[in-house]
C-alpha atoms as a PDB file:
ATOM      1  CA  MET A   1     120.539 107.851  86.164  1.00  0.00           C
ATOM      2  CA  LYS A   2     120.132 108.125  89.935  1.00  0.00           C
ATOM      3  CA  LEU A   3     117.858 105.987  92.087  1.00  0.00           C
ATOM      4  CA  TYR A   4     116.788 107.199  95.512  1.00  0.00           C
ATOM      5  CA  SER A   5     116.407 103.943  97.368  1.00  0.00           C
ATOM      6  CA  TYR A   6     116.318 102.067 100.664  1.00  0.00           C
ATOM      7  CA  PHE A   7     117.437  98.466 100.800  1.00  0.00           C
ATOM      8  CA  ARG A   8     114.305  97.105 102.509  1.00  0.00           C
ATOM      9  CA  SER A   9     111.812  99.050 100.398  1.00  0.00           C
ATOM     10  CA  SER A  10     109.994  96.550  98.187  1.00  0.00           C
ATOM     11  CA  ALA A  11     108.965  99.373  95.847  1.00  0.00           C
ATOM     12  CA  ALA A  12     112.620 100.377  95.367  1.00  0.00           C
ATOM     13  CA  PHE A  13     113.482  96.668  94.988  1.00  0.00           C
ATOM     14  CA  ARG A  14     111.068  96.494  92.017  1.00  0.00           C
ATOM     15  CA  VAL A  15     112.774  99.375  90.282  1.00  0.00           C
ATOM     16  CA  ARG A  16     116.247  97.945  90.914  1.00  0.00           C
ATOM     17  CA  ILE A  17     115.165  94.702  89.230  1.00  0.00           C
ATOM     18  CA  ALA A  18     113.674  96.537  86.253  1.00  0.00           C
ATOM     19  CA  ILE A  19     116.801  98.652  85.741  1.00  0.00           C
ATOM     20  CA  ASN A  20     118.972  95.539  85.954  1.00  0.00           C
ATOM     21  CA  LEU A  21     116.818  93.645  83.459  1.00  0.00           C
ATOM     22  CA  LYS A  22     117.115  96.579  81.079  1.00  0.00           C
ATOM     23  CA  GLY A  23     120.898  96.477  81.464  1.00  0.00           C
ATOM     24  CA  LEU A  24     121.098 100.111  82.546  1.00  0.00           C
ATOM     25  CA  SER A  25     123.660 101.618  84.893  1.00  0.00           C
ATOM     26  CA  TYR A  26     122.654 103.879  87.777  1.00  0.00           C
ATOM     27  CA  ASP A  27     123.896 105.485  90.951  1.00  0.00           C
ATOM     28  CA  THR A  28     122.128 104.918  94.250  1.00  0.00           C
ATOM     29  CA  GLU A  29     121.394 107.563  96.852  1.00  0.00           C
ATOM     30  CA  LEU A  30     120.296 106.180 100.203  1.00  0.00           C
ATOM     31  CA  VAL A  31     117.133 107.564 101.746  1.00  0.00           C
ATOM     32  CA  ASP A  32     117.246 106.097 105.246  1.00  0.00           C
ATOM     33  CA  LEU A  33     113.647 105.290 106.181  1.00  0.00           C
ATOM     34  CA  SER A  34     114.772 104.178 109.645  1.00  0.00           C
ATOM     35  CA  THR A  35     115.783 107.734 110.557  1.00  0.00           C
ATOM     36  CA  GLY A  36     112.920 109.531 108.831  1.00  0.00           C
ATOM     37  CA  ALA A  37     115.176 110.933 106.099  1.00  0.00           C
ATOM     38  CA  HIS A  38     112.329 110.443 103.614  1.00  0.00           C
ATOM     39  CA  LEU A  39     110.277 113.022 105.516  1.00  0.00           C
ATOM     40  CA  SER A  40     112.958 115.704 105.492  1.00  0.00           C
ATOM     41  CA  GLY A  41     112.563 118.873 103.501  1.00  0.00           C
ATOM     42  CA  LYS A  42     115.616 118.006 101.414  1.00  0.00           C
ATOM     43  CA  TYR A  43     114.223 114.742 100.066  1.00  0.00           C
ATOM     44  CA  LYS A  44     110.746 116.188  99.604  1.00  0.00           C
ATOM     45  CA  THR A  45     112.182 118.558  97.017  1.00  0.00           C
ATOM     46  CA  VAL A  46     112.826 115.382  95.016  1.00  0.00           C
ATOM     47  CA  ASN A  47     109.632 113.513  95.906  1.00  0.00           C
ATOM     48  CA  PRO A  48     106.898 115.621  97.512  1.00  0.00           C
ATOM     49  CA  GLN A  49     105.221 112.425  98.769  1.00  0.00           C
ATOM     50  CA  GLY A  50     108.285 111.553 100.813  1.00  0.00           C
ATOM     51  CA  ARG A  51     108.375 107.936  99.660  1.00  0.00           C
ATOM     52  CA  VAL A  52     110.964 105.807  97.891  1.00  0.00           C
ATOM     53  CA  PRO A  53     111.819 105.141  95.174  1.00  0.00           C
ATOM     54  CA  ALA A  54     112.425 108.198  93.052  1.00  0.00           C
ATOM     55  CA  LEU A  55     114.401 108.058  89.833  1.00  0.00           C
ATOM     56  CA  ILE A  56     116.204 110.839  88.040  1.00  0.00           C
ATOM     57  CA  ASP A  57     116.831 110.170  84.376  1.00  0.00           C
ATOM     58  CA  LYS A  58     117.905 112.862  81.924  1.00  0.00           C
ATOM     59  CA  ASP A  59     116.891 115.561  84.413  1.00  0.00           C
ATOM     60  CA  LYS A  60     113.402 114.049  84.765  1.00  0.00           C
ATOM     61  CA  ILE A  61     112.248 113.176  88.296  1.00  0.00           C
ATOM     62  CA  LEU A  62     109.980 110.133  88.403  1.00  0.00           C
ATOM     63  CA  ILE A  63     108.135 108.713  91.402  1.00  0.00           C
ATOM     64  CA  GLN A  64     106.005 105.643  92.205  1.00  0.00           C
ATOM     65  CA  SER A  65     107.564 102.300  91.311  1.00  0.00           C
ATOM     66  CA  ILE A  66     105.014 101.122  88.736  1.00  0.00           C
ATOM     67  CA  SER A  67     105.091 104.464  86.952  1.00  0.00           C
ATOM     68  CA  ILE A  68     108.895 104.363  86.940  1.00  0.00           C
ATOM     69  CA  ILE A  69     108.905 100.843  85.491  1.00  0.00           C
ATOM     70  CA  GLU A  70     106.388 101.827  82.804  1.00  0.00           C
ATOM     71  CA  TYR A  71     108.621 104.811  81.973  1.00  0.00           C
ATOM     72  CA  LEU A  72     111.658 102.542  81.676  1.00  0.00           C
ATOM     73  CA  GLU A  73     109.666 100.232  79.411  1.00  0.00           C
ATOM     74  CA  GLU A  74     108.863 103.095  77.057  1.00  0.00           C
ATOM     75  CA  ALA A  75     112.218 104.885  77.220  1.00  0.00           C
ATOM     76  CA  TYR A  76     114.329 101.705  76.996  1.00  0.00           C
ATOM     77  CA  PRO A  77     112.084  99.158  75.236  1.00  0.00           C
ATOM     78  CA  THR A  78     114.618  96.340  74.933  1.00  0.00           C
ATOM     79  CA  PRO A  79     114.298  93.847  76.511  1.00  0.00           C
ATOM     80  CA  SER A  80     110.574  94.226  76.985  1.00  0.00           C
ATOM     81  CA  LEU A  81     109.034  93.763  80.418  1.00  0.00           C
ATOM     82  CA  LEU A  82     105.522  93.303  79.024  1.00  0.00           C
ATOM     83  CA  PRO A  83     104.038  90.576  76.786  1.00  0.00           C
ATOM     84  CA  SER A  84     103.216  91.190  73.141  1.00  0.00           C
ATOM     85  CA  THR A  85      99.422  90.893  73.274  1.00  0.00           C
ATOM     86  CA  MET A  86      96.907  93.261  74.823  1.00  0.00           C
ATOM     87  CA  GLU A  87      95.260  90.455  76.815  1.00  0.00           C
ATOM     88  CA  GLU A  88      98.528  89.215  78.266  1.00  0.00           C
ATOM     89  CA  ARG A  89      99.619  92.733  79.187  1.00  0.00           C
ATOM     90  CA  ALA A  90      96.350  93.235  81.063  1.00  0.00           C
ATOM     91  CA  TRP A  91      96.829  89.912  82.888  1.00  0.00           C
ATOM     92  CA  VAL A  92     100.397  90.794  83.905  1.00  0.00           C
ATOM     93  CA  ARG A  93      99.302  94.231  85.113  1.00  0.00           C
ATOM     94  CA  GLY A  94      96.590  92.502  87.144  1.00  0.00           C
ATOM     95  CA  ILE A  95      99.203  90.590  89.150  1.00  0.00           C
ATOM     96  CA  ALA A  96     101.357  93.701  89.488  1.00  0.00           C
ATOM     97  CA  ASN A  97      98.393  95.680  90.808  1.00  0.00           C
ATOM     98  CA  ILE A  98      97.339  93.020  93.322  1.00  0.00           C
ATOM     99  CA  ILE A  99     100.767  93.492  94.856  1.00  0.00           C
ATOM    100  CA  ALA A 100     101.387  97.198  94.333  1.00  0.00           C
ATOM    101  CA  CYS A 101      97.819  98.421  94.932  1.00  0.00           C
ATOM    102  CA  ASP A 102      96.336  95.888  97.362  1.00  0.00           C
ATOM    103  CA  ILE A 103      98.964  94.061  99.436  1.00  0.00           C
ATOM    104  CA  HIS A 104     101.743  96.624  99.685  1.00  0.00           C
ATOM    105  CA  PRO A 105      99.770  99.776 100.624  1.00  0.00           C
ATOM    106  CA  LEU A 106      98.239  97.976 103.606  1.00  0.00           C
ATOM    107  CA  ASN A 107     101.576  96.616 104.803  1.00  0.00           C
ATOM    108  CA  ASN A 108     104.119  99.348 104.113  1.00  0.00           C
ATOM    109  CA  LEU A 109     106.223 100.949 106.834  1.00  0.00           C
ATOM    110  CA  ALA A 110     103.990 103.998 107.261  1.00  0.00           C
ATOM    111  CA  VAL A 111     100.913 101.843 107.884  1.00  0.00           C
ATOM    112  CA  LEU A 112     102.701  99.460 110.265  1.00  0.00           C
ATOM    113  CA  ASN A 113     104.121 102.389 112.229  1.00  0.00           C
ATOM    114  CA  TYR A 114     100.656 103.937 112.442  1.00  0.00           C
ATOM    115  CA  LEU A 115      99.206 100.679 113.729  1.00  0.00           C
ATOM    116  CA  THR A 116     101.799 100.274 116.480  1.00  0.00           C
ATOM    117  CA  GLY A 117     102.129 103.980 117.259  1.00  0.00           C
ATOM    118  CA  VAL A 118      98.893 105.933 116.964  1.00  0.00           C
ATOM    119  CA  LEU A 119      96.563 102.946 117.336  1.00  0.00           C
ATOM    120  CA  SER A 120      98.715 101.126 119.945  1.00  0.00           C
ATOM    121  CA  VAL A 121      98.380  97.771 118.174  1.00  0.00           C
ATOM    122  CA  GLY A 122     100.542  95.032 119.705  1.00  0.00           C
ATOM    123  CA  THR A 123     103.271  93.155 117.851  1.00  0.00           C
ATOM    124  CA  GLU A 124     101.251  89.945 117.396  1.00  0.00           C
ATOM    125  CA  GLN A 125      98.248  91.870 116.109  1.00  0.00           C
ATOM    126  CA  LYS A 126     100.484  93.756 113.683  1.00  0.00           C
ATOM    127  CA  LEU A 127     101.878  90.465 112.374  1.00  0.00           C
ATOM    128  CA  GLU A 128      98.372  89.029 112.044  1.00  0.00           C
ATOM    129  CA  TRP A 129      97.364  92.116 110.044  1.00  0.00           C
ATOM    130  CA  TYR A 130     100.420  91.792 107.798  1.00  0.00           C
ATOM    131  CA  ARG A 131     100.010  88.080 107.142  1.00  0.00           C
ATOM    132  CA  HIS A 132      96.284  88.392 106.449  1.00  0.00           C
ATOM    133  CA  TRP A 133      96.761  90.793 103.542  1.00  0.00           C
ATOM    134  CA  VAL A 134      99.698  88.841 102.146  1.00  0.00           C
ATOM    135  CA  ALA A 135      97.658  85.619 102.198  1.00  0.00           C
ATOM    136  CA  GLU A 136      94.659  87.257 100.568  1.00  0.00           C
ATOM    137  CA  GLY A 137      96.758  88.628  97.716  1.00  0.00           C
ATOM    138  CA  LEU A 138      98.977  85.592  97.145  1.00  0.00           C
ATOM    139  CA  GLU A 139      95.966  83.270  97.140  1.00  0.00           C
ATOM    140  CA  ALA A 140      94.535  85.200  94.190  1.00  0.00           C
ATOM    141  CA  ILE A 141      97.893  85.283  92.392  1.00  0.00           C
ATOM    142  CA  GLU A 142      98.417  81.544  92.901  1.00  0.00           C
ATOM    143  CA  LYS A 143      95.024  80.872  91.290  1.00  0.00           C
ATOM    144  CA  MET A 144      95.848  83.185  88.370  1.00  0.00           C
ATOM    145  CA  LEU A 145      99.152  81.390  87.829  1.00  0.00           C
ATOM    146  CA  LEU A 146      97.471  77.982  88.014  1.00  0.00           C
ATOM    147  CA  GLU A 147      94.990  78.945  85.293  1.00  0.00           C
ATOM    148  CA  ASN A 148      97.476  80.658  82.965  1.00  0.00           C
ATOM    149  CA  SER A 149      98.708  78.423  80.146  1.00  0.00           C
ATOM    150  CA  LYS A 150     101.508  80.932  79.454  1.00  0.00           C
ATOM    151  CA  ARG A 151     103.030  80.291  82.886  1.00  0.00           C
ATOM    152  CA  LYS A 152     106.433  78.705  82.428  1.00  0.00           C
ATOM    153  CA  GLU A 153     109.626  79.555  84.265  1.00  0.00           C
ATOM    154  CA  PHE A 154     108.143  82.970  84.957  1.00  0.00           C
ATOM    155  CA  CYS A 155     104.682  84.424  85.456  1.00  0.00           C
ATOM    156  CA  CYS A 156     103.982  84.818  81.749  1.00  0.00           C
ATOM    157  CA  GLY A 157     106.351  83.006  79.433  1.00  0.00           C
ATOM    158  CA  ASP A 158     110.044  82.216  79.255  1.00  0.00           C
ATOM    159  CA  GLU A 159     111.333  85.664  80.211  1.00  0.00           C
ATOM    160  CA  PRO A 160     110.743  87.658  83.414  1.00  0.00           C
ATOM    161  CA  GLY A 161     108.619  90.772  83.271  1.00  0.00           C
ATOM    162  CA  LEU A 162     106.498  93.186  85.250  1.00  0.00           C
ATOM    163  CA  ALA A 163     104.594  90.518  87.194  1.00  0.00           C
ATOM    164  CA  ASP A 164     107.811  88.825  88.316  1.00  0.00           C
ATOM    165  CA  ILE A 165     109.367  92.195  89.177  1.00  0.00           C
ATOM    166  CA  CYS A 166     106.504  92.839  91.606  1.00  0.00           C
ATOM    167  CA  LEU A 167     106.188  89.285  92.904  1.00  0.00           C
ATOM    168  CA  VAL A 168     109.790  88.747  94.033  1.00  0.00           C
ATOM    169  CA  PRO A 169     110.007  91.690  96.494  1.00  0.00           C
ATOM    170  CA  GLN A 170     106.624  90.729  97.930  1.00  0.00           C
ATOM    171  CA  VAL A 171     107.837  87.197  98.582  1.00  0.00           C
ATOM    172  CA  PHE A 172     110.983  88.603 100.224  1.00  0.00           C
ATOM    173  CA  ASN A 173     108.782  90.642 102.569  1.00  0.00           C
ATOM    174  CA  ALA A 174     106.536  87.666 103.266  1.00  0.00           C
ATOM    175  CA  GLN A 175     109.579  85.599 104.222  1.00  0.00           C
ATOM    176  CA  ARG A 176     110.856  88.381 106.458  1.00  0.00           C
ATOM    177  CA  PHE A 177     107.544  88.421 108.340  1.00  0.00           C
ATOM    178  CA  GLU A 178     107.484  84.600 108.479  1.00  0.00           C
ATOM    179  CA  CYS A 179     104.353  84.189 106.386  1.00  0.00           C
ATOM    180  CA  ASP A 180     103.418  80.614 105.519  1.00  0.00           C
ATOM    181  CA  LEU A 181     104.013  80.278 101.770  1.00  0.00           C
ATOM    182  CA  SER A 182     103.442  76.524 101.530  1.00  0.00           C
ATOM    183  CA  GLU A 183      99.997  77.078 100.006  1.00  0.00           C
ATOM    184  CA  TYR A 184     101.497  78.883  97.001  1.00  0.00           C
ATOM    185  CA  PRO A 185     103.753  76.404  95.132  1.00  0.00           C
ATOM    186  CA  PHE A 186     103.608  78.280  91.821  1.00  0.00           C
ATOM    187  CA  VAL A 187     104.522  81.540  93.529  1.00  0.00           C
ATOM    188  CA  GLU A 188     107.485  79.868  95.220  1.00  0.00           C
ATOM    189  CA  ARG A 189     108.582  78.137  92.006  1.00  0.00           C
ATOM    190  CA  ILE A 190     108.592  81.409  90.054  1.00  0.00           C
ATOM    191  CA  PHE A 191     110.368  83.199  92.890  1.00  0.00           C
ATOM    192  CA  ASN A 192     113.128  80.575  92.815  1.00  0.00           C
ATOM    193  CA  SER A 193     113.450  80.840  89.020  1.00  0.00           C
ATOM    194  CA  CYS A 194     113.785  84.610  89.260  1.00  0.00           C
ATOM    195  CA  MET A 195     116.409  84.498  91.991  1.00  0.00           C
ATOM    196  CA  LYS A 196     118.677  82.416  89.744  1.00  0.00           C
ATOM    197  CA  LEU A 197     119.016  85.489  87.503  1.00  0.00           C
ATOM    198  CA  GLU A 198     121.650  88.098  88.228  1.00  0.00           C
ATOM    199  CA  ALA A 199     119.204  90.966  87.651  1.00  0.00           C
ATOM    200  CA  PHE A 200     117.087  89.781  90.583  1.00  0.00           C
ATOM    201  CA  ASP A 201     119.925  88.567  92.774  1.00  0.00           C
ATOM    202  CA  LEU A 202     121.863  91.849  92.614  1.00  0.00           C
ATOM    203  CA  ALA A 203     118.716  93.821  93.404  1.00  0.00           C
ATOM    204  CA  GLN A 204     117.891  91.981  96.638  1.00  0.00           C
ATOM    205  CA  PRO A 205     118.150  93.862  99.948  1.00  0.00           C
ATOM    206  CA  SER A 206     121.278  92.101 101.224  1.00  0.00           C
ATOM    207  CA  LYS A 207     123.230  93.074  98.094  1.00  0.00           C
ATOM    208  CA  GLN A 208     122.623  96.818  98.541  1.00  0.00           C
ATOM    209  CA  PRO A 209     125.552  98.990  99.691  1.00  0.00           C
ATOM    210  CA  GLU A 210     123.811 100.180 102.854  1.00  0.00           C
ATOM    211  CA  ALA A 211     122.730  96.700 103.991  1.00  0.00           C
ATOM    212  CA  GLU A 212     125.897  96.137 106.058  1.00  0.00           C
ATOM    213  CA  ARG A 213     125.047  99.136 108.227  1.00  0.00           C
ATOM    214  CA  PHE A 214     121.775  97.569 109.383  1.00  0.00           C
ATOM    215  CA  LYS A 215     123.005  94.132 110.455  1.00  0.00           C
END
């Protein structure tokens, strides 16, 4: 199993967590987003979209973090990353999609570079843009967590799953951009519970082999 990754990519971070939770071993191949390596012809033979992550497993090339995680769930079902009931699975996917479909696409590197480059948006305006979409998404997630009786140590029950896998990298990014998280106590509590687990800790950006090169 090979994961094409970049240490600061929250999408790649999600997949690293999922692989770790599944107890699978993998090799990492760096795709350096800071140099535009993801846009090179070589990497686009792996992922025609030119984004990370991409995962190769048993000669299958998989792209898009949520699709990769769903694949891992089906191919390696133990331990499960999804709850047992249809309603709970839909709820968990709702949180995952707020992050992966609403917050992240508006705040990823390509969008931020477009804002500051093509549209000549200043640094403070870029940060305001970033923090606005984070706040909008986390406000909804905080309310969902507040109303969910299954919320315990993790988003839905006693074991981490898909919602937690998506939430933790988003909180890391929010911290990096100095977003105010004080309004989201349940989000912060679940983040702290997750980071006590080796699967999450070893997947964080600072623990990746290339991280030393970018200090």
